[in-house]
Protein backbone atom coordinates (compact mmCIF):
# COMPACT_ATOMS: atom_id res chain seq x y z
CA MET A 1 -35.77 15.91 26.55
CA SER A 2 -36.29 18.20 29.51
CA ALA A 3 -33.83 18.49 32.38
CA ILE A 4 -33.68 15.43 34.59
CA CYS A 5 -34.28 15.52 38.34
CA PRO A 6 -30.97 16.04 40.20
CA THR A 7 -31.82 13.25 42.66
CA LEU A 8 -31.33 10.63 39.94
CA PRO A 9 -28.27 8.37 39.92
CA ASP A 10 -25.33 10.13 38.31
CA TYR A 11 -25.46 7.90 35.24
CA LEU A 12 -29.00 9.10 34.41
CA HIS A 13 -28.19 12.80 34.44
CA GLU A 14 -28.55 14.69 31.17
CA GLU A 15 -24.82 15.36 30.78
CA ILE A 16 -23.92 11.69 31.23
CA LEU A 17 -26.67 10.57 28.85
CA LEU A 18 -25.17 12.89 26.23
CA HIS A 19 -21.56 11.95 27.04
CA PRO A 20 -21.50 8.46 28.60
CA GLU A 21 -17.72 8.41 28.27
CA ASN A 22 -17.68 10.85 31.20
CA ARG A 23 -19.42 8.44 33.53
CA ASN A 24 -17.31 7.35 36.50
CA PHE A 25 -16.87 3.58 36.56
CA PRO A 26 -15.23 1.56 39.32
CA THR A 27 -12.09 -0.42 38.49
CA PHE A 28 -12.74 -3.85 36.99
CA ASP A 29 -12.86 -6.35 39.84
CA LEU A 30 -13.14 -10.03 38.86
CA ARG A 31 -14.12 -11.13 42.37
CA ARG A 32 -16.96 -8.59 42.49
CA LEU A 33 -18.15 -9.52 39.00
CA LEU A 34 -18.24 -13.26 39.66
CA ASP A 35 -19.78 -12.85 43.11
CA THR A 36 -22.53 -10.57 41.76
CA VAL A 37 -23.34 -12.54 38.63
CA PHE A 38 -23.11 -16.07 40.04
CA THR A 39 -24.20 -16.02 43.70
CA PRO A 40 -23.93 -18.61 45.20
CA THR A 41 -20.35 -19.51 44.27
CA THR A 42 -19.24 -21.62 47.25
CA GLY A 43 -18.36 -25.14 46.17
CA CYS A 44 -18.64 -24.33 42.45
CA LYS A 45 -16.10 -25.63 39.97
CA ILE A 46 -15.33 -23.04 37.30
CA CYS A 47 -13.47 -23.03 33.97
CA ILE A 48 -12.72 -20.69 31.07
CA LEU A 49 -13.22 -21.33 27.36
CA VAL A 50 -11.39 -19.52 24.56
CA ASP A 51 -11.35 -20.12 20.79
CA PHE A 52 -8.63 -20.47 18.15
CA ALA A 53 -8.52 -21.38 14.48
CA ASP A 54 -6.06 -24.14 15.44
CA PRO A 55 -6.60 -24.80 19.16
CA GLN A 56 -4.19 -27.64 19.93
CA PRO A 57 -0.83 -25.94 19.26
CA MET A 58 -1.99 -22.52 20.49
CA MET A 59 -3.31 -23.93 23.76
CA GLN A 60 -0.39 -26.24 24.56
CA GLU A 61 1.53 -24.59 27.42
CA PHE A 62 -0.34 -21.37 26.54
CA ARG A 63 1.75 -20.90 23.42
CA PHE A 64 -0.60 -18.12 22.22
CA LEU A 65 0.84 -15.83 24.90
CA LYS A 66 4.14 -15.78 22.98
CA GLU A 67 2.54 -15.21 19.59
CA GLU A 68 1.44 -11.99 17.89
CA GLY A 69 -2.26 -11.25 18.02
CA PHE A 70 -4.93 -13.06 20.04
CA PRO A 71 -5.98 -10.00 22.10
CA ILE A 72 -9.25 -11.53 23.34
CA GLN A 73 -7.58 -14.76 24.42
CA LYS A 74 -4.76 -12.87 26.14
CA ARG A 75 -7.27 -10.77 28.09
CA ALA A 76 -9.02 -13.99 29.10
CA TYR A 77 -5.71 -15.30 30.43
CA GLN A 78 -4.61 -12.10 32.16
CA HIS A 79 -7.84 -10.80 33.65
CA PHE A 80 -9.78 -14.03 34.24
CA PHE A 81 -7.47 -17.06 34.38
CA GLN A 82 -4.69 -15.37 36.37
CA GLY A 83 -7.20 -13.46 38.46
CA MET A 84 -8.92 -16.65 39.56
CA GLN A 85 -5.61 -18.34 40.32
CA ASN A 86 -4.46 -15.34 42.36
CA GLY A 87 -7.01 -15.56 45.13
CA VAL A 88 -10.41 -14.92 43.53
CA MET A 89 -11.47 -18.57 43.54
CA ALA A 90 -10.36 -19.06 47.14
CA ASN A 91 -12.15 -15.88 48.23
CA LEU A 92 -15.41 -17.04 46.63
CA GLY A 93 -15.12 -20.67 47.75
CA MET A 94 -14.69 -21.97 44.20
CA HIS A 95 -12.23 -24.45 42.71
CA GLY A 96 -11.01 -25.50 39.29
CA GLY A 97 -10.05 -22.48 37.20
CA GLU A 98 -8.77 -24.42 34.19
CA MET A 99 -8.67 -22.92 30.71
CA PHE A 100 -9.72 -24.86 27.61
CA ALA A 101 -9.79 -23.99 23.92
CA TYR A 102 -12.19 -24.98 21.16
CA ARG A 103 -12.18 -24.52 17.41
CA MET A 104 -13.34 -21.10 16.23
CA THR A 105 -16.82 -21.17 14.67
CA TYR A 106 -16.43 -18.13 12.36
CA GLY A 107 -20.08 -17.26 12.94
CA SER A 108 -22.23 -15.78 15.67
CA ASN A 109 -23.94 -18.41 17.85
CA LEU A 110 -23.11 -21.39 15.67
CA ASP A 111 -23.08 -24.72 17.48
CA LEU A 112 -19.67 -25.74 18.83
CA ALA A 113 -17.83 -28.87 17.75
CA ASP A 114 -17.35 -31.36 20.59
CA GLU A 115 -13.55 -31.29 20.53
CA VAL A 116 -11.78 -29.14 23.12
CA TRP A 117 -8.14 -28.92 24.24
CA ASP A 118 -6.54 -28.34 27.64
CA ALA A 119 -3.33 -26.48 28.51
CA ARG A 120 -1.25 -29.60 27.86
CA GLY A 121 -2.62 -29.81 24.33
CA LYS A 122 -4.69 -32.90 25.16
CA GLN A 123 -7.92 -33.32 23.23
CA LEU A 124 -11.05 -33.69 25.35
CA SER A 125 -14.80 -33.76 24.79
CA PHE A 126 -17.22 -30.98 25.72
CA ASP A 127 -20.03 -33.44 26.38
CA HIS A 128 -17.95 -35.90 28.40
CA ASP A 129 -15.21 -33.83 30.06
CA ILE A 130 -16.39 -30.22 30.38
CA TYR A 131 -20.16 -29.74 30.56
CA PRO A 132 -20.84 -32.51 33.14
CA ASN A 133 -17.86 -31.58 35.35
CA TYR A 134 -18.13 -27.80 35.80
CA ASP A 135 -20.73 -25.73 37.60
CA LEU A 136 -19.71 -22.40 36.05
CA ILE A 137 -18.32 -21.87 32.54
CA LEU A 138 -16.98 -18.55 31.23
CA CYS A 139 -16.69 -18.36 27.44
CA ILE A 140 -14.38 -15.50 26.38
CA SER A 141 -14.30 -15.90 22.63
CA THR A 142 -14.08 -14.24 19.24
CA TYR A 143 -17.62 -15.16 18.18
CA SER A 144 -20.64 -15.36 20.46
CA ALA A 145 -21.49 -18.81 21.82
CA THR A 146 -24.57 -17.79 23.83
CA ALA A 147 -27.06 -19.89 21.86
CA PRO A 148 -25.18 -23.22 21.89
CA LEU A 149 -24.08 -22.85 25.52
CA THR A 150 -27.65 -21.99 26.60
CA ALA A 151 -28.83 -25.27 25.07
CA LYS A 152 -25.99 -27.22 26.70
CA ALA A 153 -26.59 -25.55 30.09
CA LYS A 154 -30.18 -26.80 30.05
CA GLN A 155 -28.99 -30.27 29.07
CA PHE A 156 -26.14 -30.61 31.58
CA GLY A 157 -27.23 -28.28 34.38
CA PHE A 158 -24.38 -25.74 34.55
CA ARG A 159 -24.44 -21.94 34.70
CA GLY A 160 -22.15 -19.59 32.84
CA ALA A 161 -21.50 -16.39 30.94
CA THR A 162 -20.48 -15.53 27.40
CA LEU A 163 -18.15 -12.53 26.96
CA HIS A 164 -17.19 -12.53 23.30
CA GLY A 165 -15.10 -9.71 21.87
CA VAL A 166 -13.84 -8.45 25.24
CA ASN A 167 -11.65 -5.36 24.84
CA ASP A 168 -10.12 -2.84 27.25
CA MET A 169 -13.11 -0.48 27.08
CA ILE A 170 -15.50 -3.29 27.96
CA LEU A 171 -13.31 -4.33 30.89
CA SER A 172 -13.22 -0.77 32.23
CA SER A 173 -16.93 -0.01 31.78
CA GLY A 174 -19.43 -2.71 30.82
CA LEU A 175 -17.83 -5.33 33.07
CA ALA A 176 -17.06 -2.89 35.90
CA VAL A 177 -20.65 -1.83 36.64
CA ASP A 178 -22.84 -3.01 39.50
CA TYR A 179 -25.04 -5.69 37.95
CA HIS A 180 -27.63 -5.30 40.66
CA GLU A 181 -28.17 -1.78 39.31
CA VAL A 182 -28.17 -3.07 35.73
CA SER A 183 -30.79 -5.66 36.64
CA ARG A 184 -33.01 -3.12 38.38
CA ASP A 185 -32.91 -0.70 35.42
CA ALA A 186 -33.56 -3.49 32.91
CA GLU A 187 -36.55 -4.66 34.92
CA LYS A 188 -38.04 -1.15 35.06
CA ILE A 189 -37.81 -0.81 31.28
CA ARG A 190 -39.05 -4.37 30.80
CA LEU A 191 -42.17 -3.60 32.81
CA ALA A 192 -42.70 -0.42 30.80
CA MET A 193 -42.71 -2.44 27.55
CA THR A 194 -43.93 -5.92 28.44
CA CYS A 195 -47.02 -7.30 26.69
CA ALA A 196 -46.57 -4.85 23.81
CA ASP A 197 -48.70 -5.66 20.80
CA SER A 198 -46.37 -4.01 18.31
CA ILE A 199 -43.39 -1.72 17.79
CA GLU A 200 -42.90 0.72 14.91
CA ILE A 201 -39.47 2.14 14.09
CA ASP A 202 -38.96 5.19 11.86
CA PHE A 203 -35.57 5.50 10.15
CA ALA A 204 -34.72 8.92 8.68
CA LEU A 205 -32.25 8.66 5.79
CA GLU A 206 -29.86 11.34 4.55
CA ASP A 207 -31.83 11.71 1.31
CA GLY A 208 -34.96 12.74 3.22
CA ARG A 209 -36.79 9.43 3.06
CA VAL A 210 -38.30 7.88 6.17
CA LEU A 211 -38.49 4.08 6.29
CA THR A 212 -40.80 2.37 8.76
CA ALA A 213 -40.49 -1.15 10.10
CA TRP A 214 -43.45 -2.68 11.96
CA LEU A 215 -42.89 -5.63 14.29
CA GLY A 216 -45.76 -7.63 15.67
CA LEU A 217 -45.14 -8.92 19.19
CA GLY A 218 -48.50 -10.48 19.99
CA GLY A 219 -48.68 -9.15 23.54
CA GLN A 220 -45.79 -11.35 24.66
CA GLU A 221 -43.93 -10.89 27.93
CA SER A 222 -40.74 -8.97 27.24
CA GLN A 223 -37.49 -10.55 28.41
CA LYS A 224 -34.34 -9.00 29.82
CA SER A 225 -30.63 -9.65 29.62
CA HIS A 226 -29.57 -8.29 32.97
CA GLY A 227 -26.33 -10.03 33.84
CA LEU A 228 -27.48 -12.00 36.89
CA CYS A 229 -27.24 -15.77 36.79
CA ASN A 230 -28.03 -16.34 40.46
CA GLY A 231 -29.40 -19.42 42.16
CA LEU A 232 -28.77 -22.89 40.87
CA THR A 233 -31.01 -22.84 37.78
CA PRO A 234 -29.06 -23.65 34.59
CA ASP A 235 -28.61 -20.42 32.66
CA ILE A 236 -26.15 -18.39 30.59
CA ALA A 237 -25.61 -14.66 31.09
CA ASN A 238 -24.45 -12.58 28.15
CA LEU A 239 -21.95 -9.97 29.38
CA PRO A 240 -21.91 -7.01 29.20
CA ALA A 241 -25.66 -7.18 29.82
CA GLY A 242 -28.43 -4.62 29.86
CA GLU A 243 -31.23 -4.99 27.34
CA VAL A 244 -34.94 -5.71 27.00
CA TYR A 245 -35.89 -7.91 24.07
CA PHE A 246 -38.74 -9.57 22.23
CA VAL A 247 -39.02 -12.43 19.73
CA PRO A 248 -41.07 -10.98 16.84
CA CYS A 249 -44.00 -13.07 15.65
CA ASP A 250 -44.53 -10.90 12.56
CA ALA A 251 -42.79 -8.03 10.77
CA ARG A 252 -43.21 -5.92 7.66
CA GLY A 253 -41.96 -2.70 6.14
CA GLN A 254 -38.45 -1.49 5.47
CA PHE A 255 -35.29 -0.68 7.37
CA PRO A 256 -31.79 0.42 6.33
CA MET A 257 -28.73 -1.77 6.60
CA LYS A 258 -25.07 -0.80 6.80
CA TYR A 259 -22.92 -3.71 5.65
CA GLU A 260 -19.43 -4.48 6.92
CA ASP A 261 -17.80 -2.84 3.89
CA GLY A 262 -19.81 0.37 4.44
CA THR A 263 -22.37 -0.33 1.72
CA LEU A 264 -25.85 1.00 2.54
CA GLY A 265 -29.01 -0.79 1.52
CA VAL A 266 -32.75 -0.80 2.13
CA LEU A 267 -34.15 -4.12 3.32
CA ASP A 268 -37.75 -5.05 2.46
CA VAL A 269 -39.51 -7.18 5.09
CA GLU A 270 -42.59 -9.33 4.54
CA ASN A 271 -44.09 -11.91 6.92
CA ARG A 272 -41.19 -11.51 9.39
CA CYS A 273 -38.57 -12.15 6.71
CA ILE A 274 -36.15 -9.94 4.81
CA VAL A 275 -36.97 -10.66 1.19
CA ARG A 276 -34.64 -8.30 -0.70
CA SER A 277 -31.98 -5.63 -0.37
CA THR A 278 -31.74 -2.54 -2.59
CA LEU A 279 -28.64 -0.37 -2.92
CA ILE A 280 -28.54 3.14 -1.43
CA ALA A 281 -24.81 3.72 -1.78
CA GLY A 282 -21.67 1.64 -2.01
CA ASN A 283 -20.99 -1.70 -3.61
CA GLN A 284 -23.74 -3.33 -5.69
CA ALA A 285 -21.90 -6.66 -5.41
CA THR A 286 -22.47 -6.61 -1.63
CA ILE A 287 -26.21 -6.18 -2.20
CA ASP A 288 -26.22 -8.92 -4.85
CA ALA A 289 -24.43 -11.32 -2.49
CA HIS A 290 -26.99 -10.68 0.24
CA ASN A 291 -29.89 -11.21 -2.16
CA ALA A 292 -28.34 -14.44 -3.42
CA ARG A 293 -28.04 -15.67 0.17
CA LEU A 294 -31.70 -14.82 0.87
CA ILE A 295 -32.79 -16.76 -2.23
CA ASP A 296 -30.56 -19.74 -1.44
CA ASP A 297 -31.61 -19.99 2.23
CA PRO A 298 -34.59 -17.76 3.10
CA MET A 299 -34.28 -18.62 6.81
CA THR A 300 -31.19 -16.38 6.96
CA GLY A 301 -33.50 -13.38 6.55
CA THR A 302 -35.96 -14.30 9.31
CA LEU A 303 -36.12 -11.71 12.11
CA GLY A 304 -35.51 -13.46 15.41
CA GLU A 305 -35.05 -10.61 17.90
CA LEU A 306 -35.91 -6.99 18.64
CA GLY A 307 -33.80 -5.53 21.45
CA PHE A 308 -33.45 -2.24 23.32
CA GLY A 309 -30.40 -1.14 25.33
CA THR A 310 -30.91 -0.22 28.99
CA GLN A 311 -27.44 0.90 30.19
CA VAL A 312 -25.52 4.18 30.02
CA LEU A 313 -22.18 3.05 28.60
CA PRO A 314 -19.45 4.49 26.37
CA VAL A 315 -18.99 3.20 22.85
CA SER A 316 -16.64 0.22 22.92
CA GLY A 317 -16.44 -0.60 19.23
CA ALA A 318 -17.89 -4.05 19.95
CA ASP A 319 -21.59 -4.67 19.44
CA ILE A 320 -21.79 -6.89 22.52
CA GLN A 321 -21.53 -3.73 24.63
CA ASP A 322 -22.75 -1.07 22.21
CA GLU A 323 -26.16 -2.74 21.72
CA LYS A 324 -26.73 -2.40 25.48
CA VAL A 325 -26.59 1.42 25.36
CA LEU A 326 -29.77 3.23 26.36
CA GLY A 327 -31.35 4.90 23.32
CA THR A 328 -30.22 2.26 20.82
CA CYS A 329 -32.10 -0.70 19.44
CA HIS A 330 -31.18 -3.72 17.39
CA LEU A 331 -32.75 -6.39 15.24
CA ALA A 332 -31.31 -9.84 14.73
CA THR A 333 -31.70 -12.38 11.98
CA GLY A 334 -31.42 -16.13 12.28
CA ARG A 335 -31.76 -18.61 15.12
CA ASP A 336 -33.60 -17.49 18.22
CA ASP A 337 -34.16 -20.76 20.09
CA HIS A 338 -31.92 -19.49 22.92
CA LEU A 339 -34.33 -16.57 23.34
CA GLY A 340 -37.40 -18.76 23.53
CA GLY A 341 -38.13 -18.46 19.81
CA ASP A 342 -39.00 -21.01 17.18
CA ILE A 343 -36.06 -20.67 14.76
CA MET A 344 -33.83 -23.72 15.22
CA PRO A 345 -30.45 -24.54 13.61
CA SER A 346 -32.02 -27.54 11.87
CA MET A 347 -34.26 -25.19 9.83
CA PHE A 348 -31.34 -23.75 7.84
CA LYS A 349 -30.03 -25.17 4.59
CA LYS A 350 -26.45 -25.29 5.88
CA HIS A 351 -24.98 -25.43 9.38
CA GLU A 352 -22.88 -22.32 8.74
CA ASN A 353 -26.07 -20.37 7.94
CA SER A 354 -27.66 -21.00 11.36
CA THR A 355 -26.20 -17.90 12.99
CA HIS A 356 -27.86 -15.26 15.15
CA ASP A 357 -26.65 -11.94 13.74
CA ASP A 358 -27.40 -8.61 15.40
CA ILE A 359 -28.05 -5.48 13.35
CA LEU A 360 -27.31 -2.54 15.64
CA PHE A 361 -28.77 0.93 15.12
CA ALA A 362 -26.66 3.46 17.02
CA PRO A 363 -25.19 6.91 16.20
CA HIS A 364 -21.59 5.68 16.01
CA LYS A 365 -22.53 2.53 14.08
CA THR A 366 -25.03 3.94 11.61
CA PRO A 367 -24.31 7.68 11.24
CA ASN A 368 -25.92 7.68 7.78
CA PHE A 369 -29.41 7.42 9.23
CA ASN A 370 -31.28 8.31 12.38
CA ILE A 371 -33.86 6.49 14.43
CA SER A 372 -36.24 9.44 14.55
CA GLU A 373 -38.87 7.60 16.58
CA VAL A 374 -39.75 4.22 18.06
CA ARG A 375 -43.39 3.74 19.06
CA MET A 376 -44.97 1.03 21.19
CA LYS A 377 -48.62 0.00 21.08
CA ARG A 378 -50.03 -1.98 24.01
CA GLY A 379 -53.80 -2.29 23.87
CA ASP A 380 -55.16 1.26 23.83
CA GLN A 381 -51.84 2.62 25.12
CA GLU A 382 -49.39 4.20 22.68
CA GLU A 383 -45.97 5.39 23.85
CA ILE A 384 -42.81 6.78 22.29
CA ILE A 385 -39.80 4.70 23.37
CA ILE A 386 -36.88 6.37 21.53
CA GLU A 387 -36.52 9.79 19.90
CA ASN A 388 -33.41 10.55 17.85
CA PHE A 389 -31.35 7.82 19.53
CA ARG A 390 -32.33 9.03 23.00
CA PRO A 391 -34.66 7.46 25.56
CA SER A 392 -38.10 9.06 25.60
CA ARG A 393 -39.68 10.77 28.57
CA TYR A 394 -41.82 7.62 29.05
CA ILE A 395 -38.68 5.47 29.43
CA MET A 396 -36.94 8.00 31.69
CA ASP A 397 -40.04 8.17 33.91
CA ALA A 398 -39.98 4.38 34.12
CA LEU A 399 -36.33 4.45 35.21
CA THR A 400 -37.06 7.01 37.93
CA ALA A 401 -39.99 5.02 39.37
CA PHE A 402 -39.35 3.41 42.74
C-alpha cells in the first residue's frame, strides 16, 4: 500500500494501520458511551444482565464479588453498574440501573431461558419482569446473546447492547472510541461493497497451497454493525462495533480452519454448507469430531455470515473486538435470523446446536495462513478488498471520500 495522505485522521495513517496498539484512545467514559449509542436517553429505564453457571447464589447480595474468578461480571459491576449509580444515569436523565443474572448458555447466541435473578436472589421472568419493563438493556456476558435479545427487542420494543467477553483492552480501546466516527467509517465501506454479487477469498497456506472460497451474495444490500442504537426503534447494538456484513445465499470451495486446540483443517464447502473437514496438522480426533457433528446435524455447517472489520483497533484477545479490525474478515456458521437471514433455531436437530459461531481470519488468530486476497464482483465491477490482511487501496479510497 502506498503512503496515505497526511490529512487523514490519525487512526488511518500508515503507521497506525501497521501498529494499531499505538493509536491514542480517550479514557473509557460510560456516560459518553451510553449517550452516543442510545440517544435519546431521557426518561429511559435501564438495566444490566450478566450470566453465571449458578445465578441465584452468585447474584444474591453480589456474592460473586467476593469469589475468585468472574472477571467479566466484575467488570460489569465496576464499570457499568457502579458507574450508572454514581451519576451517569442522573446526567443522562435515565433511571433504574438494576443488575440481573441469567443462567449461562455455554454457546454463542443460544436462546436464553426465561428465569432471571435479582440482587436479592429472587427469581424473576425475562418475559414478564424484564423485557416489558426496561427501555434499555445492557448484556455483559460470557457468551454472546445478540441473536436472542434481537428477537426479544422486536417483540417487546426495547433497545440494548450486547458486550460479551469484555476485558480491560476492550474497555480502553473498542469501547472508548467515538461511535459517530465508527458509524461513518462503516457506512463508507458499506457503500463501497453493497449490492456485491460475490466475494472470493484466497487463503495461502504454509505448505504453498492456495485455497479459494467463493460466496454468492445475490446483489444484496450490505449491512453494518456500527454501534449506534439511536431513536426509539427496537434494536440491539453489538459492542465493540465496526463491521460490514452479508448473509451468503450460496458458497462453495475451501477454506482453512484453526480449531480451539490448535488443530488445522481444510473445510470443503458445497451449496453454502461445510460438508467435511480434512486434517492439515494437529489432532485427527478433533477433525473426526467435527465431521461427526456435520453428519449428525448438517445445519451446524451452514454459512450464515460473511463479515469485514472496519475499525483500527489493537488485538484484544476476544473475537468480539478482533473481528472488527480493518483488514480482517470472518465467516460464521449457524443461525443468522438476527442478521436478516433464513437460518432459524428451530431448523437444528438440538437446541444446543443452534449457535452462531464466528470463524475469524486475522494475523494473530490464524498465523498459519494468510488471506492473500479478497475480491468483490459487483456487476461488471471487480475490486480487491483485502491484500495480505490489509485494506486495499479501493477500501482506503472509500474511507477518505467525503
